[in-house]
């Protein structure tokens, strides 16, 4: 049973899906009071009912995406596909970068800032820092293979988007 949040009754048609606005039923962490209106989710499977995870503002979470742990998605951010945002991650429209259909298994790759400003990457079964992602690419694919070049290019784009490109 979900005692953490409910739906306001507001809906939003978005990318062929019906999203529902959430409202906190209890205080969540230090920033959300009972009654505060949150962002948009497609279903309860998108936002963990335990812990301090939250979706706020006009943020949208849908598809198979999951937000859990102490993670927050805010602003105009969109989290979708098979993306998972968790731990102490904080995602807003300027802290998220996502790619779909790359690599040997056409994986979804999502990168975002953690609460301390570091960059975390989730790609298939990999989860770690941007530097760990680059190291994993080099070990698994090498730097000169097609997949290695694509993944390393993606890592460079992630770094640019979440540092200089976000200014």
Protein backbone atom coordinates (compact mmCIF):
# COMPACT_ATOMS: atom_id res chain seq x y z
CA UNK A 1 0.00 0.00 0.00
CA UNK A 2 1.28 3.47 -0.90
CA UNK A 3 1.19 5.82 2.09
CA UNK A 4 3.86 8.12 0.61
CA UNK A 5 2.05 9.89 -2.23
CA UNK A 6 -1.23 9.93 -4.09
CA UNK A 7 -2.46 11.35 -7.37
CA UNK A 8 -4.03 14.81 -7.62
CA UNK A 9 -6.42 13.86 -10.42
CA UNK A 10 -4.51 16.04 -12.91
CA UNK A 11 -3.32 14.20 -16.00
CA UNK A 12 -0.94 15.15 -18.78
CA UNK A 13 -0.77 13.52 -22.21
CA UNK A 14 2.93 13.21 -23.00
CA UNK A 15 4.62 11.25 -25.80
CA UNK A 16 1.59 8.99 -26.19
CA UNK A 17 1.35 8.29 -22.46
CA UNK A 18 -0.92 9.53 -19.71
CA UNK A 19 1.07 10.95 -16.81
CA UNK A 20 -0.44 11.73 -13.41
CA UNK A 21 0.58 14.50 -11.02
CA UNK A 22 1.53 13.36 -7.53
CA UNK A 23 0.93 14.85 -4.08
CA UNK A 24 2.86 13.95 -0.92
CA UNK A 25 0.72 12.24 1.72
CA UNK A 26 3.50 12.50 4.33
CA UNK A 27 6.66 14.58 4.82
CA UNK A 28 9.49 13.29 2.60
CA UNK A 29 13.00 14.15 3.70
CA UNK A 30 13.51 17.73 4.80
CA UNK A 31 12.07 19.46 1.74
CA UNK A 32 8.63 17.98 1.06
CA UNK A 33 5.69 18.50 3.41
CA UNK A 34 2.51 16.47 3.45
CA UNK A 35 0.21 18.02 0.85
CA UNK A 36 2.99 19.35 -1.41
CA UNK A 37 2.29 18.82 -5.10
CA UNK A 38 5.00 16.98 -7.02
CA UNK A 39 5.79 16.21 -10.64
CA UNK A 40 4.37 13.69 -13.10
CA UNK A 41 4.65 9.90 -13.22
CA UNK A 42 3.00 7.31 -15.40
CA UNK A 43 2.51 4.69 -12.68
CA UNK A 44 3.48 3.84 -9.12
CA UNK A 45 6.26 1.65 -10.49
CA UNK A 46 8.07 4.85 -11.56
CA UNK A 47 8.53 6.20 -7.99
CA UNK A 48 9.49 4.09 -5.00
CA UNK A 49 6.96 4.30 -2.18
CA UNK A 50 9.58 3.86 0.54
CA UNK A 51 12.60 6.09 1.11
CA UNK A 52 12.96 9.77 0.23
CA UNK A 53 12.85 9.55 -3.57
CA UNK A 54 10.70 12.30 -5.10
CA UNK A 55 9.65 13.83 -8.43
CA UNK A 56 8.96 17.58 -8.30
CA UNK A 57 8.15 20.58 -10.47
CA UNK A 58 7.26 19.70 -14.05
CA UNK A 59 9.59 16.69 -14.10
CA UNK A 60 8.24 13.62 -15.87
CA UNK A 61 9.07 9.97 -15.18
CA UNK A 62 7.52 7.30 -17.38
CA UNK A 63 7.97 4.02 -19.21
CA UNK A 64 10.10 1.53 -17.31
CA UNK A 65 12.07 4.32 -15.59
CA UNK A 66 12.49 4.11 -11.81
CA UNK A 67 13.32 6.72 -9.17
CA UNK A 68 14.26 5.30 -5.79
CA UNK A 69 16.48 5.55 -2.72
CA UNK A 70 17.08 9.22 -1.90
CA UNK A 71 17.06 10.33 -5.54
CA UNK A 72 15.23 13.45 -6.74
CA UNK A 73 14.06 14.38 -10.23
CA UNK A 74 13.08 18.03 -10.57
CA UNK A 75 12.59 21.02 -12.85
CA UNK A 76 11.70 20.03 -16.39
CA UNK A 77 13.76 16.82 -16.38
CA UNK A 78 12.46 13.75 -18.18
CA UNK A 79 13.43 10.26 -17.09
CA UNK A 80 12.09 7.46 -19.27
CA UNK A 81 12.84 4.24 -21.07
CA UNK A 82 14.77 1.87 -18.82
CA UNK A 83 16.59 4.62 -16.88
CA UNK A 84 17.07 4.17 -13.14
CA UNK A 85 17.81 7.15 -10.91
CA UNK A 86 18.76 6.12 -7.40
CA UNK A 87 21.06 6.55 -4.42
CA UNK A 88 21.64 10.22 -3.67
CA UNK A 89 21.23 11.32 -7.30
CA UNK A 90 19.65 14.66 -8.11
CA UNK A 91 18.37 15.12 -11.67
CA UNK A 92 17.06 18.32 -13.23
CA UNK A 93 16.84 19.48 -16.83
CA UNK A 94 20.46 20.69 -16.66
CA UNK A 95 21.81 17.64 -14.86
CA UNK A 96 20.57 14.81 -17.08
CA UNK A 97 21.86 13.35 -20.31
CA UNK A 98 20.40 10.25 -21.94
CA UNK A 99 21.13 8.12 -25.01
CA UNK A 100 19.22 5.16 -26.43
CA UNK A 101 20.07 2.50 -29.00
CA UNK A 102 23.87 2.41 -28.71
CA UNK A 103 26.36 -0.38 -28.28
CA UNK A 104 26.26 -4.08 -28.99
CA UNK A 105 22.91 -4.47 -27.18
CA UNK A 106 21.28 -1.13 -28.14
CA UNK A 107 21.41 -0.03 -24.52
CA UNK A 108 19.86 2.95 -22.78
CA UNK A 109 22.58 5.10 -21.20
CA UNK A 110 21.70 7.77 -18.66
CA UNK A 111 24.07 10.17 -16.92
CA UNK A 112 23.33 12.66 -14.17
CA UNK A 113 24.86 14.58 -11.30
CA UNK A 114 24.98 13.13 -7.83
CA UNK A 115 24.20 15.44 -4.90
CA UNK A 116 27.87 16.49 -4.72
CA UNK A 117 28.08 17.45 -8.41
CA UNK A 118 29.90 14.33 -9.61
CA UNK A 119 28.71 12.59 -12.77
CA UNK A 120 27.17 9.12 -12.51
CA UNK A 121 26.43 6.87 -15.49
CA UNK A 122 23.98 3.96 -15.76
CA UNK A 123 24.33 1.81 -18.87
CA UNK A 124 22.97 -1.72 -19.00
CA UNK A 125 24.29 -3.45 -15.88
CA UNK A 126 27.03 -0.81 -15.39
CA UNK A 127 26.61 1.91 -12.78
CA UNK A 128 29.43 4.18 -11.67
CA UNK A 129 31.30 7.43 -12.19
CA UNK A 130 32.05 8.86 -15.63
CA UNK A 131 35.71 7.87 -15.27
CA UNK A 132 34.74 4.33 -14.28
CA UNK A 133 32.47 4.26 -17.35
CA UNK A 134 35.38 5.24 -19.59
CA UNK A 135 37.61 2.60 -17.97
CA UNK A 136 34.92 -0.06 -18.45
CA UNK A 137 34.56 0.89 -22.14
CA UNK A 138 38.31 0.61 -22.71
CA UNK A 139 38.51 -2.76 -20.93
CA UNK A 140 35.43 -4.24 -22.59
CA UNK A 141 35.50 -2.75 -26.11
CA UNK A 142 38.92 -1.13 -26.51
CA UNK A 143 39.41 2.39 -27.81
CA UNK A 144 39.55 1.57 -31.52
CA UNK A 145 36.52 -0.68 -32.02
CA UNK A 146 33.27 0.76 -33.38
CA UNK A 147 31.48 0.26 -30.05
CA UNK A 148 34.43 1.63 -28.11
CA UNK A 149 34.54 4.78 -30.24
CA UNK A 150 30.78 5.31 -29.94
CA UNK A 151 30.74 4.80 -26.17
CA UNK A 152 33.80 7.02 -25.63
CA UNK A 153 32.19 9.69 -27.82
CA UNK A 154 29.08 9.39 -25.68
CA UNK A 155 31.23 9.79 -22.55
CA UNK A 156 32.72 12.98 -24.02
CA UNK A 157 29.25 14.31 -24.83
CA UNK A 158 28.07 13.49 -21.31
CA UNK A 159 31.03 15.34 -19.82
CA UNK A 160 30.43 18.39 -22.01
CA UNK A 161 26.66 18.46 -21.44
CA UNK A 162 26.92 18.11 -17.69
CA UNK A 163 29.79 20.58 -17.25
CA UNK A 164 30.44 23.33 -19.83
CA UNK A 165 27.27 22.68 -21.83
CA UNK A 166 25.04 23.14 -18.79
CA UNK A 167 26.14 26.74 -18.20
